[in-house]
PDB file of N, CA and C in Angstrom:
ATOM      1  N   MET A   1       0.832  -1.131  -0.009  1.00  0.00           N
ATOM      2  CA  MET A   1       0.005   0.005  -0.020  1.00  0.00           C
ATOM      3  C   MET A   1       0.911   1.241   0.022  1.00  0.00           C
ATOM      4  N   ALA A   2       0.621   2.186  -0.868  1.00  0.00           N
ATOM      5  CA  ALA A   2       1.400   3.406  -0.993  1.00  0.00           C
ATOM      6  C   ALA A   2       1.084   4.353   0.122  1.00  0.00           C
ATOM      7  N   GLN A   3       2.119   5.019   0.653  1.00  0.00           N
ATOM      8  CA  GLN A   3       1.869   5.981   1.698  1.00  0.00           C
ATOM      9  C   GLN A   3       1.622   7.344   1.041  1.00  0.00           C
ATOM     10  N   THR A   4       0.801   8.128   1.697  1.00  0.00           N
ATOM     11  CA  THR A   4       0.499   9.472   1.180  1.00  0.00           C
ATOM     12  C   THR A   4       1.377  10.431   1.934  1.00  0.00           C
ATOM     13  N   ASP A   5       1.741  11.476   1.247  1.00  0.00           N
ATOM     14  CA  ASP A   5       2.589  12.539   1.854  1.00  0.00           C
ATOM     15  C   ASP A   5       1.678  13.444   2.698  1.00  0.00           C
ATOM     16  N   PRO A   6       1.894  13.474   4.012  1.00  0.00           N
ATOM     17  CA  PRO A   6       0.981  14.284   4.869  1.00  0.00           C
ATOM     18  C   PRO A   6       1.273  15.776   4.855  1.00  0.00           C
ATOM     19  N   SER A   7       2.392  16.197   4.237  1.00  0.00           N
ATOM     20  CA  SER A   7       2.717  17.607   4.245  1.00  0.00           C
ATOM     21  C   SER A   7       1.775  18.364   3.284  1.00  0.00           C
ATOM     22  N   PRO A   8       1.313  19.562   3.689  1.00  0.00           N
ATOM     23  CA  PRO A   8       0.415  20.322   2.845  1.00  0.00           C
ATOM     24  C   PRO A   8       1.152  20.803   1.585  1.00  0.00           C
ATOM     25  N   ARG A   9       0.424  20.843   0.514  1.00  0.00           N
ATOM     26  CA  ARG A   9       0.970  21.358  -0.728  1.00  0.00           C
ATOM     27  C   ARG A   9       0.803  22.872  -0.768  1.00  0.00           C
ATOM     28  N   PRO A  10       1.796  23.589  -1.345  1.00  0.00           N
ATOM     29  CA  PRO A  10       1.656  25.021  -1.418  1.00  0.00           C
ATOM     30  C   PRO A  10       0.497  25.356  -2.334  1.00  0.00           C
ATOM     31  N   ALA A  11      -0.159  26.518  -2.029  1.00  0.00           N
ATOM     32  CA  ALA A  11      -1.282  26.948  -2.871  1.00  0.00           C
ATOM     33  C   ALA A  11      -0.741  27.296  -4.254  1.00  0.00           C
ATOM     34  N   PRO A  12      -1.507  27.041  -5.269  1.00  0.00           N
ATOM     35  CA  PRO A  12      -1.066  27.380  -6.605  1.00  0.00           C
ATOM     36  C   PRO A  12      -0.791  28.885  -6.760  1.00  0.00           C
ATOM     37  N   LYS A  13       0.229  29.222  -7.494  1.00  0.00           N
ATOM     38  CA  LYS A  13       0.602  30.646  -7.692  1.00  0.00           C
ATOM     39  C   LYS A  13      -0.447  31.300  -8.579  1.00  0.00           C
ATOM     40  N   ALA A  14      -0.767  32.565  -8.219  1.00  0.00           N
ATOM     41  CA  ALA A  14      -1.711  33.331  -9.025  1.00  0.00           C
ATOM     42  C   ALA A  14      -1.154  33.610 -10.431  1.00  0.00           C
ATOM     43  N   VAL A  15      -2.043  33.809 -11.359  1.00  0.00           N
ATOM     44  CA  VAL A  15      -1.631  34.121 -12.749  1.00  0.00           C
ATOM     45  C   VAL A  15      -0.788  35.378 -12.743  1.00  0.00           C
ATOM     46  N   ILE A  16      -1.251  36.444 -12.037  1.00  0.00           N
ATOM     47  CA  ILE A  16      -0.502  37.680 -11.915  1.00  0.00           C
ATOM     48  C   ILE A  16      -0.441  38.084 -10.462  1.00  0.00           C
ATOM     49  N   SER A  17       0.510  38.906 -10.149  1.00  0.00           N
ATOM     50  CA  SER A  17       0.620  39.513  -8.839  1.00  0.00           C
ATOM     51  C   SER A  17       0.555  41.015  -9.007  1.00  0.00           C
ATOM     52  N   LEU A  18       0.225  41.724  -7.916  1.00  0.00           N
ATOM     53  CA  LEU A  18       0.130  43.168  -7.932  1.00  0.00           C
ATOM     54  C   LEU A  18       1.125  43.790  -7.024  1.00  0.00           C
ATOM     55  N   THR A  19       1.704  44.883  -7.394  1.00  0.00           N
ATOM     56  CA  THR A  19       2.553  45.626  -6.513  1.00  0.00           C
ATOM     57  C   THR A  19       1.651  46.389  -5.535  1.00  0.00           C
ATOM     58  N   ASP A  20       2.219  46.971  -4.502  1.00  0.00           N
ATOM     59  CA  ASP A  20       1.453  47.766  -3.571  1.00  0.00           C
ATOM     60  C   ASP A  20       0.796  48.949  -4.286  1.00  0.00           C
ATOM     61  N   ALA A  21       1.514  49.589  -5.219  1.00  0.00           N
ATOM     62  CA  ALA A  21       0.959  50.722  -5.946  1.00  0.00           C
ATOM     63  C   ALA A  21      -0.211  50.288  -6.805  1.00  0.00           C
ATOM     64  N   ALA A  22      -0.122  49.143  -7.499  1.00  0.00           N
ATOM     65  CA  ALA A  22      -1.232  48.683  -8.311  1.00  0.00           C
ATOM     66  C   ALA A  22      -2.442  48.351  -7.455  1.00  0.00           C
ATOM     67  N   ALA A  23      -2.244  47.711  -6.326  1.00  0.00           N
ATOM     68  CA  ALA A  23      -3.347  47.357  -5.462  1.00  0.00           C
ATOM     69  C   ALA A  23      -4.048  48.637  -4.923  1.00  0.00           C
ATOM     70  N   ALA A  24      -3.257  49.610  -4.564  1.00  0.00           N
ATOM     71  CA  ALA A  24      -3.812  50.861  -4.075  1.00  0.00           C
ATOM     72  C   ALA A  24      -4.650  51.575  -5.171  1.00  0.00           C
ATOM     73  N   ARG A  25      -4.166  51.530  -6.411  1.00  0.00           N
ATOM     74  CA  ARG A  25      -4.863  52.182  -7.507  1.00  0.00           C
ATOM     75  C   ARG A  25      -6.147  51.418  -7.853  1.00  0.00           C
ATOM     76  N   VAL A  26      -6.089  50.070  -7.845  1.00  0.00           N
ATOM     77  CA  VAL A  26      -7.297  49.262  -8.084  1.00  0.00           C
ATOM     78  C   VAL A  26      -8.318  49.608  -7.061  1.00  0.00           C
ATOM     79  N   LYS A  27      -7.951  49.637  -5.770  1.00  0.00           N
ATOM     80  CA  LYS A  27      -8.884  49.978  -4.679  1.00  0.00           C
ATOM     81  C   LYS A  27      -9.488  51.373  -4.905  1.00  0.00           C
ATOM     82  N   SER A  28      -8.648  52.313  -5.236  1.00  0.00           N
ATOM     83  CA  SER A  28      -9.104  53.676  -5.445  1.00  0.00           C
ATOM     84  C   SER A  28     -10.153  53.773  -6.611  1.00  0.00           C
ATOM     85  N   LEU A  29      -9.810  53.084  -7.715  1.00  0.00           N
ATOM     86  CA  LEU A  29     -10.718  53.122  -8.868  1.00  0.00           C
ATOM     87  C   LEU A  29     -12.040  52.458  -8.551  1.00  0.00           C
ATOM     88  N   LEU A  30     -12.010  51.335  -7.847  1.00  0.00           N
ATOM     89  CA  LEU A  30     -13.258  50.626  -7.518  1.00  0.00           C
ATOM     90  C   LEU A  30     -14.095  51.422  -6.517  1.00  0.00           C
ATOM     91  N   ASP A  31     -13.416  52.091  -5.553  1.00  0.00           N
ATOM     92  CA  ASP A  31     -14.147  52.880  -4.563  1.00  0.00           C
ATOM     93  C   ASP A  31     -14.863  54.078  -5.185  1.00  0.00           C
ATOM     94  N   LYS A  32     -14.307  54.631  -6.243  1.00  0.00           N
ATOM     95  CA  LYS A  32     -14.858  55.844  -6.862  1.00  0.00           C
ATOM     96  C   LYS A  32     -15.916  55.531  -7.915  1.00  0.00           C
ATOM     97  N   ARG A  33     -15.996  54.309  -8.394  1.00  0.00           N
ATOM     98  CA  ARG A  33     -16.883  53.989  -9.532  1.00  0.00           C
ATOM     99  C   ARG A  33     -18.338  53.828  -9.068  1.00  0.00           C
ATOM    100  N   GLU A  34     -19.218  54.481  -9.777  1.00  0.00           N
ATOM    101  CA  GLU A  34     -20.636  54.369  -9.569  1.00  0.00           C
ATOM    102  C   GLU A  34     -21.263  54.029 -10.936  1.00  0.00           C
ATOM    103  N   PRO A  35     -21.991  52.929 -11.058  1.00  0.00           N
ATOM    104  CA  PRO A  35     -22.245  51.930 -10.047  1.00  0.00           C
ATOM    105  C   PRO A  35     -20.991  51.115  -9.767  1.00  0.00           C
ATOM    106  N   ARG A  36     -20.927  50.603  -8.579  1.00  0.00           N
ATOM    107  CA  ARG A  36     -19.737  49.862  -8.120  1.00  0.00           C
ATOM    108  C   ARG A  36     -19.444  48.673  -8.979  1.00  0.00           C
ATOM    109  N   ALA A  37     -18.194  48.500  -9.378  1.00  0.00           N
ATOM    110  CA  ALA A  37     -17.748  47.330 -10.116  1.00  0.00           C
ATOM    111  C   ALA A  37     -17.273  46.281  -9.134  1.00  0.00           C
ATOM    112  N   VAL A  38     -17.334  45.011  -9.531  1.00  0.00           N
ATOM    113  CA  VAL A  38     -16.872  43.932  -8.639  1.00  0.00           C
ATOM    114  C   VAL A  38     -15.358  43.813  -8.628  1.00  0.00           C
ATOM    115  N   ALA A  39     -14.697  44.268  -9.713  1.00  0.00           N
ATOM    116  CA  ALA A  39     -13.274  44.124  -9.844  1.00  0.00           C
ATOM    117  C   ALA A  39     -12.801  44.866 -11.095  1.00  0.00           C
ATOM    118  N   LEU A  40     -11.500  44.852 -11.336  1.00  0.00           N
ATOM    119  CA  LEU A  40     -10.953  45.243 -12.638  1.00  0.00           C
ATOM    120  C   LEU A  40     -10.674  43.933 -13.375  1.00  0.00           C
ATOM    121  N   ARG A  41     -10.859  43.962 -14.700  1.00  0.00           N
ATOM    122  CA  ARG A  41     -10.609  42.820 -15.528  1.00  0.00           C
ATOM    123  C   ARG A  41      -9.355  43.107 -16.400  1.00  0.00           C
ATOM    124  N   VAL A  42      -8.400  42.219 -16.356  1.00  0.00           N
ATOM    125  CA  VAL A  42      -7.171  42.343 -17.168  1.00  0.00           C
ATOM    126  C   VAL A  42      -7.300  41.370 -18.352  1.00  0.00           C
ATOM    127  N   GLY A  43      -6.969  41.857 -19.516  1.00  0.00           N
ATOM    128  CA  GLY A  43      -7.041  41.025 -20.714  1.00  0.00           C
ATOM    129  C   GLY A  43      -5.938  41.441 -21.695  1.00  0.00           C
ATOM    130  N   ILE A  44      -6.051  40.813 -22.847  1.00  0.00           N
ATOM    131  CA  ILE A  44      -5.127  41.099 -23.954  1.00  0.00           C
ATOM    132  C   ILE A  44      -5.940  41.456 -25.175  1.00  0.00           C
ATOM    133  N   LYS A  45      -5.536  42.450 -25.926  1.00  0.00           N
ATOM    134  CA  LYS A  45      -6.173  42.824 -27.180  1.00  0.00           C
ATOM    135  C   LYS A  45      -5.162  42.759 -28.293  1.00  0.00           C
ATOM    136  N   THR A  46      -5.652  42.411 -29.490  1.00  0.00           N
ATOM    137  CA  THR A  46      -4.754  42.430 -30.659  1.00  0.00           C
ATOM    138  C   THR A  46      -4.699  43.862 -31.141  1.00  0.00           C
ATOM    139  N   ARG A  47      -3.475  44.441 -31.061  1.00  0.00           N
ATOM    140  CA  ARG A  47      -3.304  45.823 -31.513  1.00  0.00           C
ATOM    141  C   ARG A  47      -1.808  46.171 -31.448  1.00  0.00           C
ATOM    142  N   GLY A  48      -1.461  47.221 -32.112  1.00  0.00           N
ATOM    143  CA  GLY A  48      -0.100  47.727 -32.043  1.00  0.00           C
ATOM    144  C   GLY A  48       0.803  47.063 -33.016  1.00  0.00           C
ATOM    145  N   CYS A  49       2.018  47.569 -33.118  1.00  0.00           N
ATOM    146  CA  CYS A  49       2.960  47.064 -34.102  1.00  0.00           C
ATOM    147  C   CYS A  49       3.580  45.712 -33.724  1.00  0.00           C
ATOM    148  N   SER A  50       3.509  45.337 -32.423  1.00  0.00           N
ATOM    149  CA  SER A  50       4.029  44.042 -32.003  1.00  0.00           C
ATOM    150  C   SER A  50       2.937  42.986 -31.887  1.00  0.00           C
ATOM    151  N   GLY A  51       1.677  43.387 -32.009  1.00  0.00           N
ATOM    152  CA  GLY A  51       0.580  42.411 -32.074  1.00  0.00           C
ATOM    153  C   GLY A  51      -0.353  42.343 -30.926  1.00  0.00           C
ATOM    154  N   LEU A  52       0.089  42.492 -29.677  1.00  0.00           N
ATOM    155  CA  LEU A  52      -0.743  42.375 -28.497  1.00  0.00           C
ATOM    156  C   LEU A  52      -0.559  43.568 -27.560  1.00  0.00           C
ATOM    157  N   SER A  53      -1.601  43.895 -26.834  1.00  0.00           N
ATOM    158  CA  SER A  53      -1.483  44.950 -25.827  1.00  0.00           C
ATOM    159  C   SER A  53      -2.345  44.556 -24.626  1.00  0.00           C
ATOM    160  N   TYR A  54      -1.984  45.069 -23.479  1.00  0.00           N
ATOM    161  CA  TYR A  54      -2.712  44.841 -22.250  1.00  0.00           C
ATOM    162  C   TYR A  54      -3.974  45.679 -22.227  1.00  0.00           C
ATOM    163  N   ALA A  55      -5.037  45.132 -21.644  1.00  0.00           N
ATOM    164  CA  ALA A  55      -6.286  45.860 -21.535  1.00  0.00           C
ATOM    165  C   ALA A  55      -6.764  45.736 -20.092  1.00  0.00           C
ATOM    166  N   VAL A  56      -7.115  46.840 -19.485  1.00  0.00           N
ATOM    167  CA  VAL A  56      -7.615  46.862 -18.112  1.00  0.00           C
ATOM    168  C   VAL A  56      -8.959  47.646 -18.150  1.00  0.00           C
ATOM    169  N   ASP A  57     -10.002  47.026 -17.611  1.00  0.00           N
ATOM    170  CA  ASP A  57     -11.329  47.677 -17.651  1.00  0.00           C
ATOM    171  C   ASP A  57     -12.102  47.303 -16.389  1.00  0.00           C
ATOM    172  N   TYR A  58     -13.165  47.974 -16.133  1.00  0.00           N
ATOM    173  CA  TYR A  58     -14.015  47.622 -15.004  1.00  0.00           C
ATOM    174  C   TYR A  58     -14.758  46.316 -15.343  1.00  0.00           C
ATOM    175  N   ALA A  59     -14.991  45.502 -14.324  1.00  0.00           N
ATOM    176  CA  ALA A  59     -15.789  44.268 -14.453  1.00  0.00           C
ATOM    177  C   ALA A  59     -17.037  44.434 -13.557  1.00  0.00           C
ATOM    178  N   ASP A  60     -18.196  44.499 -14.221  1.00  0.00           N
ATOM    179  CA  ASP A  60     -19.419  44.651 -13.420  1.00  0.00           C
ATOM    180  C   ASP A  60     -19.911  43.305 -12.877  1.00  0.00           C
ATOM    181  N   SER A  61     -19.369  42.216 -13.425  1.00  0.00           N
ATOM    182  CA  SER A  61     -19.671  40.885 -12.915  1.00  0.00           C
ATOM    183  C   SER A  61     -18.565  39.943 -13.271  1.00  0.00           C
ATOM    184  N   LYS A  62     -18.485  38.833 -12.564  1.00  0.00           N
ATOM    185  CA  LYS A  62     -17.490  37.799 -12.895  1.00  0.00           C
ATOM    186  C   LYS A  62     -18.059  36.916 -13.988  1.00  0.00           C
ATOM    187  N   MET A  63     -17.280  36.734 -15.025  1.00  0.00           N
ATOM    188  CA  MET A  63     -17.693  35.839 -16.150  1.00  0.00           C
ATOM    189  C   MET A  63     -17.334  34.415 -15.765  1.00  0.00           C
ATOM    190  N   GLN A  64     -17.983  33.433 -16.388  1.00  0.00           N
ATOM    191  CA  GLN A  64     -17.866  32.037 -16.032  1.00  0.00           C
ATOM    192  C   GLN A  64     -16.451  31.549 -15.857  1.00  0.00           C
ATOM    193  N   PHE A  65     -15.560  31.856 -16.808  1.00  0.00           N
ATOM    194  CA  PHE A  65     -14.208  31.269 -16.771  1.00  0.00           C
ATOM    195  C   PHE A  65     -13.117  32.246 -16.360  1.00  0.00           C
ATOM    196  N   ASP A  66     -13.498  33.427 -15.853  1.00  0.00           N
ATOM    197  CA  ASP A  66     -12.470  34.414 -15.388  1.00  0.00           C
ATOM    198  C   ASP A  66     -11.608  33.760 -14.303  1.00  0.00           C
ATOM    199  N   GLU A  67     -10.339  34.069 -14.367  1.00  0.00           N
ATOM    200  CA  GLU A  67      -9.407  33.680 -13.312  1.00  0.00           C
ATOM    201  C   GLU A  67      -9.476  34.766 -12.256  1.00  0.00           C
ATOM    202  N   VAL A  68      -9.737  34.393 -11.024  1.00  0.00           N
ATOM    203  CA  VAL A  68      -9.848  35.355  -9.940  1.00  0.00           C
ATOM    204  C   VAL A  68      -8.523  35.459  -9.210  1.00  0.00           C
ATOM    205  N   VAL A  69      -7.963  36.647  -9.181  1.00  0.00           N
ATOM    206  CA  VAL A  69      -6.692  36.928  -8.485  1.00  0.00           C
ATOM    207  C   VAL A  69      -7.025  37.883  -7.312  1.00  0.00           C
ATOM    208  N   GLU A  70      -6.775  37.391  -6.114  1.00  0.00           N
ATOM    209  CA  GLU A  70      -6.942  38.225  -4.933  1.00  0.00           C
ATOM    210  C   GLU A  70      -5.558  38.460  -4.364  1.00  0.00           C
ATOM    211  N   ASP A  71      -5.172  39.721  -4.325  1.00  0.00           N
ATOM    212  CA  ASP A  71      -3.823  40.068  -3.899  1.00  0.00           C
ATOM    213  C   ASP A  71      -3.881  41.405  -3.157  1.00  0.00           C
ATOM    214  N   LYS A  72      -3.263  41.502  -2.024  1.00  0.00           N
ATOM    215  CA  LYS A  72      -3.178  42.776  -1.255  1.00  0.00           C
ATOM    216  C   LYS A  72      -4.509  43.430  -1.018  1.00  0.00           C
ATOM    217  N   GLY A  73      -5.566  42.609  -0.800  1.00  0.00           N
ATOM    218  CA  GLY A  73      -6.828  43.150  -0.424  1.00  0.00           C
ATOM    219  C   GLY A  73      -7.744  43.567  -1.572  1.00  0.00           C
ATOM    220  N   VAL A  74      -7.348  43.325  -2.812  1.00  0.00           N
ATOM    221  CA  VAL A  74      -8.173  43.678  -3.948  1.00  0.00           C
ATOM    222  C   VAL A  74      -8.337  42.428  -4.854  1.00  0.00           C
ATOM    223  N   THR A  75      -9.365  42.509  -5.697  1.00  0.00           N
ATOM    224  CA  THR A  75      -9.648  41.426  -6.619  1.00  0.00           C
ATOM    225  C   THR A  75      -9.488  41.928  -8.056  1.00  0.00           C
ATOM    226  N   VAL A  76      -8.769  41.138  -8.841  1.00  0.00           N
ATOM    227  CA  VAL A  76      -8.603  41.405 -10.288  1.00  0.00           C
ATOM    228  C   VAL A  76      -9.053  40.127 -10.971  1.00  0.00           C
ATOM    229  N   LEU A  77      -9.812  40.303 -12.047  1.00  0.00           N
ATOM    230  CA  LEU A  77     -10.253  39.158 -12.844  1.00  0.00           C
ATOM    231  C   LEU A  77      -9.386  39.132 -14.105  1.00  0.00           C
ATOM    232  N   VAL A  78      -8.957  37.932 -14.492  1.00  0.00           N
ATOM    233  CA  VAL A  78      -8.157  37.807 -15.715  1.00  0.00           C
ATOM    234  C   VAL A  78      -9.000  37.085 -16.739  1.00  0.00           C
ATOM    235  N   ASP A  79      -9.124  37.702 -17.897  1.00  0.00           N
ATOM    236  CA  ASP A  79      -9.874  37.109 -18.999  1.00  0.00           C
ATOM    237  C   ASP A  79      -9.253  35.735 -19.310  1.00  0.00           C
ATOM    238  N   PRO A  80     -10.087  34.692 -19.458  1.00  0.00           N
ATOM    239  CA  PRO A  80      -9.519  33.379 -19.683  1.00  0.00           C
ATOM    240  C   PRO A  80      -8.645  33.271 -20.981  1.00  0.00           C
ATOM    241  N   ALA A  81      -8.960  34.089 -21.954  1.00  0.00           N
ATOM    242  CA  ALA A  81      -8.174  34.064 -23.189  1.00  0.00           C
ATOM    243  C   ALA A  81      -6.795  34.653 -22.969  1.00  0.00           C
ATOM    244  N   ALA A  82      -6.583  35.433 -21.882  1.00  0.00           N
ATOM    245  CA  ALA A  82      -5.304  36.079 -21.642  1.00  0.00           C
ATOM    246  C   ALA A  82      -4.417  35.312 -20.650  1.00  0.00           C
ATOM    247  N   VAL A  83      -4.956  34.311 -19.967  1.00  0.00           N
ATOM    248  CA  VAL A  83      -4.239  33.623 -18.937  1.00  0.00           C
ATOM    249  C   VAL A  83      -2.877  33.104 -19.398  1.00  0.00           C
ATOM    250  N   MET A  84      -2.833  32.427 -20.535  1.00  0.00           N
ATOM    251  CA  MET A  84      -1.570  31.836 -21.012  1.00  0.00           C
ATOM    252  C   MET A  84      -0.538  32.888 -21.367  1.00  0.00           C
ATOM    253  N   PHE A  85      -0.962  34.104 -21.653  1.00  0.00           N
ATOM    254  CA  PHE A  85      -0.016  35.153 -22.001  1.00  0.00           C
ATOM    255  C   PHE A  85       0.489  35.899 -20.753  1.00  0.00           C
ATOM    256  N   LEU A  86      -0.240  35.765 -19.625  1.00  0.00           N
ATOM    257  CA  LEU A  86       0.042  36.553 -18.462  1.00  0.00           C
ATOM    258  C   LEU A  86       0.667  35.788 -17.313  1.00  0.00           C
ATOM    259  N   ILE A  87       0.775  34.479 -17.395  1.00  0.00           N
ATOM    260  CA  ILE A  87       1.288  33.639 -16.274  1.00  0.00           C
ATOM    261  C   ILE A  87       2.598  34.194 -15.803  1.00  0.00           C
ATOM    262  N   GLY A  88       2.708  34.498 -14.496  1.00  0.00           N
ATOM    263  CA  GLY A  88       3.940  34.985 -13.904  1.00  0.00           C
ATOM    264  C   GLY A  88       4.141  36.494 -13.974  1.00  0.00           C
ATOM    265  N   SER A  89       3.170  37.212 -14.501  1.00  0.00           N
ATOM    266  CA  SER A  89       3.301  38.666 -14.664  1.00  0.00           C
ATOM    267  C   SER A  89       3.064  39.409 -13.410  1.00  0.00           C
ATOM    268  N   GLU A  90       3.621  40.621 -13.325  1.00  0.00           N
ATOM    269  CA  GLU A  90       3.406  41.537 -12.227  1.00  0.00           C
ATOM    270  C   GLU A  90       2.763  42.792 -12.754  1.00  0.00           C
ATOM    271  N   MET A  91       1.668  43.173 -12.144  1.00  0.00           N
ATOM    272  CA  MET A  91       0.939  44.400 -12.502  1.00  0.00           C
ATOM    273  C   MET A  91       1.355  45.509 -11.564  1.00  0.00           C
ATOM    274  N   ASP A  92       1.774  46.637 -12.112  1.00  0.00           N
ATOM    275  CA  ASP A  92       2.205  47.795 -11.314  1.00  0.00           C
ATOM    276  C   ASP A  92       1.419  49.003 -11.741  1.00  0.00           C
ATOM    277  N   TYR A  93       1.467  50.059 -10.954  1.00  0.00           N
ATOM    278  CA  TYR A  93       0.883  51.320 -11.316  1.00  0.00           C
ATOM    279  C   TYR A  93       1.966  52.376 -11.168  1.00  0.00           C
ATOM    280  N   ARG A  94       2.198  53.134 -12.264  1.00  0.00           N
ATOM    281  CA  ARG A  94       3.245  54.147 -12.256  1.00  0.00           C
ATOM    282  C   ARG A  94       2.617  55.486 -12.626  1.00  0.00           C
ATOM    283  N   GLU A  95       3.159  56.511 -11.992  1.00  0.00           N
ATOM    284  CA  GLU A  95       2.680  57.846 -12.268  1.00  0.00           C
ATOM    285  C   GLU A  95       3.911  58.781 -12.291  1.00  0.00           C
ATOM    286  N   ASP A  96       4.069  59.541 -13.346  1.00  0.00           N
ATOM    287  CA  ASP A  96       5.134  60.500 -13.408  1.00  0.00           C
ATOM    288  C   ASP A  96       4.580  61.830 -13.946  1.00  0.00           C
ATOM    289  N   LYS A  97       5.449  62.721 -14.314  1.00  0.00           N
ATOM    290  CA  LYS A  97       5.054  64.053 -14.707  1.00  0.00           C
ATOM    291  C   LYS A  97       4.118  64.070 -15.914  1.00  0.00           C
ATOM    292  N   PHE A  98       4.296  63.128 -16.869  1.00  0.00           N
ATOM    293  CA  PHE A  98       3.525  63.170 -18.108  1.00  0.00           C
ATOM    294  C   PHE A  98       2.549  62.047 -18.292  1.00  0.00           C
ATOM    295  N   THR A  99       2.722  60.912 -17.599  1.00  0.00           N
ATOM    296  CA  THR A  99       1.844  59.762 -17.826  1.00  0.00           C
ATOM    297  C   THR A  99       1.521  59.064 -16.504  1.00  0.00           C
ATOM    298  N   SER A 100       0.471  58.307 -16.560  1.00  0.00           N
ATOM    299  CA  SER A 100       0.115  57.450 -15.456  1.00  0.00           C
ATOM    300  C   SER A 100      -0.612  56.253 -16.017  1.00  0.00           C
ATOM    301  N   GLY A 101      -0.450  55.100 -15.358  1.00  0.00           N
ATOM    302  CA  GLY A 101      -1.218  53.942 -15.816  1.00  0.00           C
ATOM    303  C   GLY A 101      -0.629  52.642 -15.284  1.00  0.00           C
ATOM    304  N   PHE A 102      -1.340  51.588 -15.541  1.00  0.00           N
ATOM    305  CA  PHE A 102      -0.892  50.264 -15.154  1.00  0.00           C
ATOM    306  C   PHE A 102       0.160  49.807 -16.103  1.00  0.00           C
ATOM    307  N   THR A 103       1.190  49.164 -15.587  1.00  0.00           N
ATOM    308  CA  THR A 103       2.272  48.568 -16.392  1.00  0.00           C
ATOM    309  C   THR A 103       2.375  47.122 -16.001  1.00  0.00           C
ATOM    310  N   PHE A 104       2.956  46.327 -16.890  1.00  0.00           N
ATOM    311  CA  PHE A 104       3.127  44.910 -16.679  1.00  0.00           C
ATOM    312  C   PHE A 104       4.558  44.469 -16.903  1.00  0.00           C
ATOM    313  N   THR A 105       5.069  43.675 -15.984  1.00  0.00           N
ATOM    314  CA  THR A 105       6.334  43.026 -16.174  1.00  0.00           C
ATOM    315  C   THR A 105       5.965  41.573 -16.433  1.00  0.00           C
ATOM    316  N   ASN A 106       6.204  41.137 -17.680  1.00  0.00           N
ATOM    317  CA  ASN A 106       5.688  39.847 -18.154  1.00  0.00           C
ATOM    318  C   ASN A 106       6.875  38.996 -18.642  1.00  0.00           C
ATOM    319  N   PRO A 107       7.142  37.897 -17.945  1.00  0.00           N
ATOM    320  CA  PRO A 107       8.258  37.050 -18.336  1.00  0.00           C
ATOM    321  C   PRO A 107       8.045  36.322 -19.653  1.00  0.00           C
ATOM    322  N   ASN A 108       6.811  36.362 -20.180  1.00  0.00           N
ATOM    323  CA  ASN A 108       6.460  35.674 -21.440  1.00  0.00           C
ATOM    324  C   ASN A 108       6.725  36.537 -22.657  1.00  0.00           C
ATOM    325  N   GLU A 109       6.961  37.842 -22.464  1.00  0.00           N
ATOM    326  CA  GLU A 109       7.197  38.735 -23.597  1.00  0.00           C
ATOM    327  C   GLU A 109       8.476  38.351 -24.308  1.00  0.00           C
ATOM    328  N   LYS A 110       8.427  38.297 -25.618  1.00  0.00           N
ATOM    329  CA  LYS A 110       9.580  38.004 -26.432  1.00  0.00           C
ATOM    330  C   LYS A 110      10.103  39.314 -27.089  1.00  0.00           C
ATOM    331  N   ALA A 111       9.186  40.275 -27.333  1.00  0.00           N
ATOM    332  CA  ALA A 111       9.522  41.551 -27.920  1.00  0.00           C
ATOM    333  C   ALA A 111       8.501  42.579 -27.543  1.00  0.00           C
ATOM    334  N   ARG A 112       8.942  43.845 -27.528  1.00  0.00           N
ATOM    335  CA  ARG A 112       8.037  44.957 -27.223  1.00  0.00           C
ATOM    336  C   ARG A 112       8.313  46.032 -28.261  1.00  0.00           C
ATOM    337  N   CYS A 113       7.288  46.716 -28.704  1.00  0.00           N
ATOM    338  CA  CYS A 113       7.483  47.753 -29.720  1.00  0.00           C
ATOM    339  C   CYS A 113       8.229  48.941 -29.093  1.00  0.00           C
ATOM    340  N   GLY A 114       8.767  49.808 -29.919  1.00  0.00           N
ATOM    341  CA  GLY A 114       9.542  50.934 -29.438  1.00  0.00           C
ATOM    342  C   GLY A 114       8.730  51.941 -28.624  1.00  0.00           C
ATOM    343  N   CYS A 115       7.426  52.061 -28.930  1.00  0.00           N
ATOM    344  CA  CYS A 115       6.640  53.034 -28.186  1.00  0.00           C
ATOM    345  C   CYS A 115       6.114  52.438 -26.872  1.00  0.00           C
ATOM    346  N   GLY A 116       6.278  51.114 -26.686  1.00  0.00           N
ATOM    347  CA  GLY A 116       5.844  50.482 -25.430  1.00  0.00           C
ATOM    348  C   GLY A 116       4.421  50.121 -25.350  1.00  0.00           C
ATOM    349  N   GLU A 117       3.651  50.336 -26.454  1.00  0.00           N
ATOM    350  CA  GLU A 117       2.215  50.088 -26.400  1.00  0.00           C
ATOM    351  C   GLU A 117       1.828  48.640 -26.672  1.00  0.00           C
ATOM    352  N   SER A 118       2.700  47.864 -27.266  1.00  0.00           N
ATOM    353  CA  SER A 118       2.334  46.487 -27.596  1.00  0.00           C
ATOM    354  C   SER A 118       3.563  45.559 -27.418  1.00  0.00           C
ATOM    355  N   PHE A 119       3.220  44.246 -27.420  1.00  0.00           N
ATOM    356  CA  PHE A 119       4.263  43.243 -27.194  1.00  0.00           C
ATOM    357  C   PHE A 119       3.913  41.995 -27.984  1.00  0.00           C
ATOM    358  N   SER A 120       4.872  41.075 -28.020  1.00  0.00           N
ATOM    359  CA  SER A 120       4.605  39.742 -28.656  1.00  0.00           C
ATOM    360  C   SER A 120       5.157  38.688 -27.727  1.00  0.00           C
ATOM    361  N   VAL A 121       4.589  37.484 -27.862  1.00  0.00           N
ATOM    362  CA  VAL A 121       5.021  36.348 -27.042  1.00  0.00           C
ATOM    363  C   VAL A 121       5.486  35.236 -27.954  1.00  0.00           C
TER     364      VAL A 121
END
């Protein structure tokens, strides 16, 4: 008879993680939105010179196959079509003198266009 390993298995790693700045911005956006959204949804769109770009929008409801990421007290939904492109990514929020927005550090990127708007895997 085979013995089972009694040690607990680590929880599966989330598709994406959020920095403190990204979590604070997600919370701020959700708190200000009327009507209240359940989360932000992260996805991928076909666009730009490299082929793909990140998309972040309000999610008024969870779709059937959305990947739910709960990190630092906020919830982000990942579009199921984007999961394979985003595994291991980190979502950040940056603000400087001229721009502000969510940025992604994605280990799956093979190339990024010169303007930074799109990427390829």
